[in-house]
Amino acid sequence: MASIKIVQNDTKPYLEFEITQDGAPVDLTGATVKFYMKDATTGSVKINGSACTITDATKGKCRYVWAAGDTNTVGTYLGEVEVTFPDTKIQTGYKQVTIIIRDDI
């Protein structure tokens, strides 16, 4: 699982994902991608299905742009993406990431 570190209240860098299955890019043409994030200790949901932007559909690339409030609480979080394909089939957990939000100095 990848690990991302960000400073409290920062909204950059964005989270960049390359969604693959068995080492090959997943074609996201016509799909929607959502991002979820929960507190690793309490399980409290911080981000509940916010939209990602698909940046290169055929290469499985997408981006989550932090919104105000997403990074305002120091802690360790678990994040993952959920893909809804054009045939309405849903698959979660392609990409999982640990997000560490550290205190702003």
N, C-alpha and C. Protein backbone atom coordinates (compact mmCIF):
# COMPACT_ATOMS: atom_id res chain seq x y z
N MET A 1 0.85 -1.17 0.00
CA MET A 1 0.00 0.00 0.00
C MET A 1 0.89 1.23 0.00
N ALA A 2 0.60 2.15 -0.88
CA ALA A 2 1.37 3.39 -0.98
C ALA A 2 1.07 4.29 0.21
N SER A 3 1.99 5.19 0.49
CA SER A 3 1.83 6.14 1.59
C SER A 3 2.05 7.56 1.07
N ILE A 4 1.16 8.45 1.45
CA ILE A 4 1.22 9.85 1.05
C ILE A 4 1.30 10.69 2.33
N LYS A 5 2.17 11.70 2.31
CA LYS A 5 2.25 12.63 3.44
C LYS A 5 1.86 14.01 2.95
N ILE A 6 1.06 14.69 3.75
CA ILE A 6 0.61 16.03 3.41
C ILE A 6 0.51 16.84 4.70
N VAL A 7 0.67 18.14 4.60
CA VAL A 7 0.59 19.02 5.77
C VAL A 7 -0.86 19.46 5.98
N GLN A 8 -1.24 19.56 7.25
CA GLN A 8 -2.58 19.97 7.62
C GLN A 8 -3.01 21.22 6.84
N ASN A 9 -4.22 21.17 6.30
CA ASN A 9 -4.87 22.24 5.53
C ASN A 9 -4.30 22.47 4.13
N ASP A 10 -3.28 21.70 3.70
CA ASP A 10 -2.79 21.82 2.33
C ASP A 10 -3.79 21.16 1.37
N THR A 11 -3.86 21.68 0.15
CA THR A 11 -4.72 21.08 -0.88
C THR A 11 -3.91 20.67 -2.12
N LYS A 12 -2.59 20.73 -2.00
CA LYS A 12 -1.68 20.22 -3.03
C LYS A 12 -0.56 19.51 -2.32
N PRO A 13 0.04 18.51 -2.87
CA PRO A 13 -0.20 17.98 -4.21
C PRO A 13 -1.50 17.16 -4.25
N TYR A 14 -2.03 17.04 -5.45
CA TYR A 14 -3.21 16.21 -5.65
C TYR A 14 -2.84 14.74 -5.49
N LEU A 15 -3.84 13.92 -5.27
CA LEU A 15 -3.62 12.47 -5.26
C LEU A 15 -3.74 11.97 -6.69
N GLU A 16 -2.69 11.38 -7.20
CA GLU A 16 -2.68 10.85 -8.56
C GLU A 16 -2.73 9.32 -8.47
N PHE A 17 -3.63 8.72 -9.21
CA PHE A 17 -3.78 7.27 -9.21
C PHE A 17 -3.60 6.72 -10.62
N GLU A 18 -2.95 5.58 -10.73
CA GLU A 18 -2.93 4.81 -11.96
C GLU A 18 -3.59 3.48 -11.61
N ILE A 19 -4.78 3.29 -12.10
CA ILE A 19 -5.56 2.11 -11.74
C ILE A 19 -5.18 0.96 -12.67
N THR A 20 -4.70 -0.10 -12.06
CA THR A 20 -4.25 -1.28 -12.81
C THR A 20 -4.88 -2.54 -12.24
N GLN A 21 -4.89 -3.56 -13.05
CA GLN A 21 -5.31 -4.90 -12.60
C GLN A 21 -4.36 -5.89 -13.23
N ASP A 22 -3.72 -6.68 -12.40
CA ASP A 22 -2.71 -7.65 -12.85
C ASP A 22 -1.61 -6.96 -13.66
N GLY A 23 -1.26 -5.73 -13.25
CA GLY A 23 -0.17 -4.99 -13.89
C GLY A 23 -0.54 -4.22 -15.14
N ALA A 24 -1.76 -4.39 -15.63
CA ALA A 24 -2.20 -3.70 -16.84
C ALA A 24 -3.16 -2.56 -16.48
N PRO A 25 -3.10 -1.43 -17.19
CA PRO A 25 -4.02 -0.33 -16.90
C PRO A 25 -5.47 -0.75 -17.13
N VAL A 26 -6.34 -0.28 -16.26
CA VAL A 26 -7.78 -0.50 -16.41
C VAL A 26 -8.33 0.64 -17.26
N ASP A 27 -9.05 0.29 -18.32
CA ASP A 27 -9.63 1.30 -19.21
C ASP A 27 -10.81 1.97 -18.50
N LEU A 28 -10.70 3.26 -18.26
CA LEU A 28 -11.72 4.01 -17.55
C LEU A 28 -12.65 4.78 -18.48
N THR A 29 -12.59 4.48 -19.77
CA THR A 29 -13.45 5.17 -20.73
C THR A 29 -14.92 4.97 -20.34
N GLY A 30 -15.62 6.08 -20.14
CA GLY A 30 -17.03 6.04 -19.77
C GLY A 30 -17.30 5.72 -18.31
N ALA A 31 -16.25 5.52 -17.53
CA ALA A 31 -16.40 5.18 -16.11
C ALA A 31 -16.41 6.44 -15.25
N THR A 32 -16.82 6.27 -14.00
CA THR A 32 -16.66 7.32 -13.00
C THR A 32 -15.82 6.75 -11.87
N VAL A 33 -15.03 7.62 -11.24
CA VAL A 33 -14.15 7.19 -10.15
C VAL A 33 -14.42 8.09 -8.95
N LYS A 34 -14.55 7.46 -7.79
CA LYS A 34 -14.78 8.19 -6.54
C LYS A 34 -13.70 7.84 -5.53
N PHE A 35 -13.42 8.79 -4.64
CA PHE A 35 -12.40 8.60 -3.61
C PHE A 35 -13.05 8.58 -2.23
N TYR A 36 -12.59 7.65 -1.41
CA TYR A 36 -13.07 7.50 -0.03
C TYR A 36 -11.87 7.54 0.90
N MET A 37 -12.06 8.16 2.07
CA MET A 37 -10.97 8.20 3.05
C MET A 37 -11.57 8.13 4.45
N LYS A 38 -10.97 7.25 5.29
CA LYS A 38 -11.43 7.14 6.67
C LYS A 38 -10.25 7.17 7.62
N ASP A 39 -10.53 7.58 8.87
CA ASP A 39 -9.52 7.61 9.91
C ASP A 39 -9.06 6.18 10.20
N ALA A 40 -7.75 5.95 10.18
CA ALA A 40 -7.22 4.59 10.36
C ALA A 40 -7.44 4.07 11.77
N THR A 41 -7.61 4.95 12.74
CA THR A 41 -7.79 4.53 14.12
C THR A 41 -9.26 4.35 14.49
N THR A 42 -10.07 5.36 14.17
CA THR A 42 -11.47 5.34 14.60
C THR A 42 -12.43 4.77 13.56
N GLY A 43 -12.00 4.76 12.31
CA GLY A 43 -12.87 4.31 11.23
C GLY A 43 -13.86 5.38 10.77
N SER A 44 -13.77 6.56 11.35
CA SER A 44 -14.65 7.66 10.99
C SER A 44 -14.37 8.09 9.54
N VAL A 45 -15.43 8.20 8.75
CA VAL A 45 -15.28 8.55 7.34
C VAL A 45 -15.04 10.05 7.20
N LYS A 46 -13.99 10.41 6.50
CA LYS A 46 -13.62 11.81 6.27
C LYS A 46 -14.06 12.25 4.87
N ILE A 47 -13.88 11.38 3.88
CA ILE A 47 -14.30 11.68 2.49
C ILE A 47 -15.15 10.50 2.04
N ASN A 48 -16.38 10.79 1.63
CA ASN A 48 -17.32 9.71 1.32
C ASN A 48 -17.75 9.75 -0.14
N GLY A 49 -16.88 9.28 -1.01
CA GLY A 49 -17.25 9.15 -2.42
C GLY A 49 -17.19 10.44 -3.21
N SER A 50 -16.14 11.22 -2.99
CA SER A 50 -15.95 12.44 -3.78
C SER A 50 -15.37 12.09 -5.15
N ALA A 51 -15.79 12.85 -6.14
CA ALA A 51 -15.41 12.55 -7.52
C ALA A 51 -13.93 12.77 -7.79
N CYS A 52 -13.37 11.86 -8.55
CA CYS A 52 -12.02 12.00 -9.10
C CYS A 52 -12.16 12.43 -10.56
N THR A 53 -11.11 13.06 -11.07
CA THR A 53 -11.06 13.44 -12.47
C THR A 53 -10.24 12.40 -13.21
N ILE A 54 -10.78 11.85 -14.27
CA ILE A 54 -10.03 10.90 -15.10
C ILE A 54 -9.14 11.73 -16.01
N THR A 55 -7.83 11.50 -15.92
CA THR A 55 -6.87 12.30 -16.69
C THR A 55 -6.37 11.59 -17.94
N ASP A 56 -6.44 10.27 -17.98
CA ASP A 56 -6.08 9.49 -19.17
C ASP A 56 -6.82 8.16 -19.06
N ALA A 57 -7.99 8.10 -19.67
CA ALA A 57 -8.89 6.95 -19.49
C ALA A 57 -8.26 5.63 -19.93
N THR A 58 -7.60 5.61 -21.08
CA THR A 58 -7.07 4.34 -21.59
C THR A 58 -5.88 3.85 -20.78
N LYS A 59 -5.23 4.75 -20.06
CA LYS A 59 -4.09 4.35 -19.22
C LYS A 59 -4.49 4.20 -17.75
N GLY A 60 -5.79 4.34 -17.45
CA GLY A 60 -6.27 4.14 -16.09
C GLY A 60 -5.85 5.21 -15.11
N LYS A 61 -5.62 6.44 -15.60
CA LYS A 61 -5.11 7.50 -14.73
C LYS A 61 -6.23 8.44 -14.29
N CYS A 62 -6.19 8.76 -12.99
CA CYS A 62 -7.15 9.71 -12.45
C CYS A 62 -6.51 10.50 -11.31
N ARG A 63 -7.23 11.53 -10.87
CA ARG A 63 -6.69 12.45 -9.87
C ARG A 63 -7.81 12.84 -8.91
N TYR A 64 -7.44 12.90 -7.63
CA TYR A 64 -8.35 13.48 -6.64
C TYR A 64 -7.78 14.82 -6.22
N VAL A 65 -8.60 15.87 -6.32
CA VAL A 65 -8.21 17.22 -5.92
C VAL A 65 -8.79 17.46 -4.53
N TRP A 66 -7.90 17.69 -3.57
CA TRP A 66 -8.34 17.92 -2.19
C TRP A 66 -9.30 19.10 -2.12
N ALA A 67 -10.37 18.96 -1.36
CA ALA A 67 -11.31 20.04 -1.10
C ALA A 67 -11.01 20.65 0.26
N ALA A 68 -11.50 21.85 0.48
CA ALA A 68 -11.34 22.49 1.79
C ALA A 68 -11.93 21.56 2.85
N GLY A 69 -11.19 21.33 3.91
CA GLY A 69 -11.65 20.46 4.99
C GLY A 69 -11.17 19.03 4.89
N ASP A 70 -10.70 18.60 3.72
CA ASP A 70 -10.23 17.22 3.56
C ASP A 70 -8.99 16.93 4.40
N THR A 71 -8.14 17.93 4.57
CA THR A 71 -6.85 17.72 5.25
C THR A 71 -6.73 18.56 6.53
N ASN A 72 -7.86 18.95 7.11
CA ASN A 72 -7.80 19.83 8.27
C ASN A 72 -7.57 19.12 9.60
N THR A 73 -7.60 17.79 9.62
CA THR A 73 -7.44 17.05 10.86
C THR A 73 -6.20 16.17 10.80
N VAL A 74 -5.26 16.42 11.72
CA VAL A 74 -4.02 15.63 11.79
C VAL A 74 -4.36 14.18 12.10
N GLY A 75 -3.66 13.26 11.44
CA GLY A 75 -3.87 11.84 11.71
C GLY A 75 -3.44 10.97 10.55
N THR A 76 -3.70 9.70 10.70
CA THR A 76 -3.41 8.71 9.66
C THR A 76 -4.74 8.19 9.13
N TYR A 77 -4.84 8.17 7.81
CA TYR A 77 -6.08 7.81 7.14
C TYR A 77 -5.84 6.71 6.11
N LEU A 78 -6.89 5.99 5.80
CA LEU A 78 -6.86 4.99 4.74
C LEU A 78 -7.76 5.48 3.62
N GLY A 79 -7.26 5.42 2.40
CA GLY A 79 -8.04 5.87 1.26
C GLY A 79 -8.11 4.80 0.18
N GLU A 80 -9.17 4.86 -0.61
CA GLU A 80 -9.28 3.96 -1.76
C GLU A 80 -10.20 4.56 -2.79
N VAL A 81 -10.09 4.04 -4.01
CA VAL A 81 -10.96 4.51 -5.09
C VAL A 81 -11.98 3.43 -5.43
N GLU A 82 -13.11 3.90 -5.93
CA GLU A 82 -14.18 3.03 -6.39
C GLU A 82 -14.49 3.42 -7.83
N VAL A 83 -14.51 2.43 -8.71
CA VAL A 83 -14.78 2.67 -10.13
C VAL A 83 -16.16 2.12 -10.47
N THR A 84 -16.97 2.96 -11.12
CA THR A 84 -18.24 2.51 -11.68
C THR A 84 -18.07 2.52 -13.19
N PHE A 85 -18.18 1.35 -13.79
CA PHE A 85 -17.98 1.19 -15.22
C PHE A 85 -19.27 1.53 -15.98
N PRO A 86 -19.18 1.75 -17.30
CA PRO A 86 -20.36 2.11 -18.08
C PRO A 86 -21.52 1.10 -17.97
N ASP A 87 -21.20 -0.16 -17.70
CA ASP A 87 -22.26 -1.16 -17.55
C ASP A 87 -22.83 -1.17 -16.13
N THR A 88 -22.52 -0.16 -15.35
CA THR A 88 -22.94 0.06 -13.96
C THR A 88 -22.33 -0.92 -12.96
N LYS A 89 -21.39 -1.73 -13.37
CA LYS A 89 -20.68 -2.61 -12.45
C LYS A 89 -19.70 -1.77 -11.63
N ILE A 90 -19.59 -2.08 -10.35
CA ILE A 90 -18.74 -1.31 -9.43
C ILE A 90 -17.62 -2.19 -8.92
N GLN A 91 -16.43 -1.62 -8.86
CA GLN A 91 -15.31 -2.32 -8.26
C GLN A 91 -14.55 -1.34 -7.37
N THR A 92 -14.31 -1.76 -6.14
CA THR A 92 -13.62 -0.94 -5.15
C THR A 92 -12.30 -1.57 -4.80
N GLY A 93 -11.35 -0.74 -4.41
CA GLY A 93 -10.10 -1.25 -3.88
C GLY A 93 -8.99 -1.44 -4.88
N TYR A 94 -9.16 -0.93 -6.10
CA TYR A 94 -8.05 -1.01 -7.05
C TYR A 94 -6.81 -0.39 -6.46
N LYS A 95 -6.99 0.79 -5.90
CA LYS A 95 -5.86 1.51 -5.31
C LYS A 95 -6.18 1.83 -3.87
N GLN A 96 -5.30 1.43 -2.99
CA GLN A 96 -5.43 1.77 -1.58
C GLN A 96 -4.19 2.54 -1.18
N VAL A 97 -4.39 3.51 -0.31
CA VAL A 97 -3.29 4.39 0.07
C VAL A 97 -3.43 4.78 1.53
N THR A 98 -2.30 4.93 2.21
CA THR A 98 -2.28 5.48 3.56
C THR A 98 -1.93 6.96 3.42
N ILE A 99 -2.74 7.81 4.05
CA ILE A 99 -2.52 9.24 4.00
C ILE A 99 -2.17 9.72 5.41
N ILE A 100 -1.02 10.35 5.55
CA ILE A 100 -0.59 10.89 6.84
C ILE A 100 -0.67 12.40 6.75
N ILE A 101 -1.53 12.97 7.59
CA ILE A 101 -1.66 14.43 7.65
C ILE A 101 -0.93 14.89 8.91
N ARG A 102 0.13 15.67 8.69
CA ARG A 102 0.92 16.12 9.84
C ARG A 102 0.57 17.56 10.20
N ASP A 103 0.87 17.90 11.44
CA ASP A 103 0.55 19.22 11.99
C ASP A 103 1.22 20.33 11.20
N ASP A 104 0.48 21.39 10.99
CA ASP A 104 1.02 22.60 10.37
C ASP A 104 1.85 23.34 11.41
N ILE A 105 3.02 23.80 11.05
CA ILE A 105 3.90 24.47 12.01
C ILE A 105 3.42 25.89 12.27
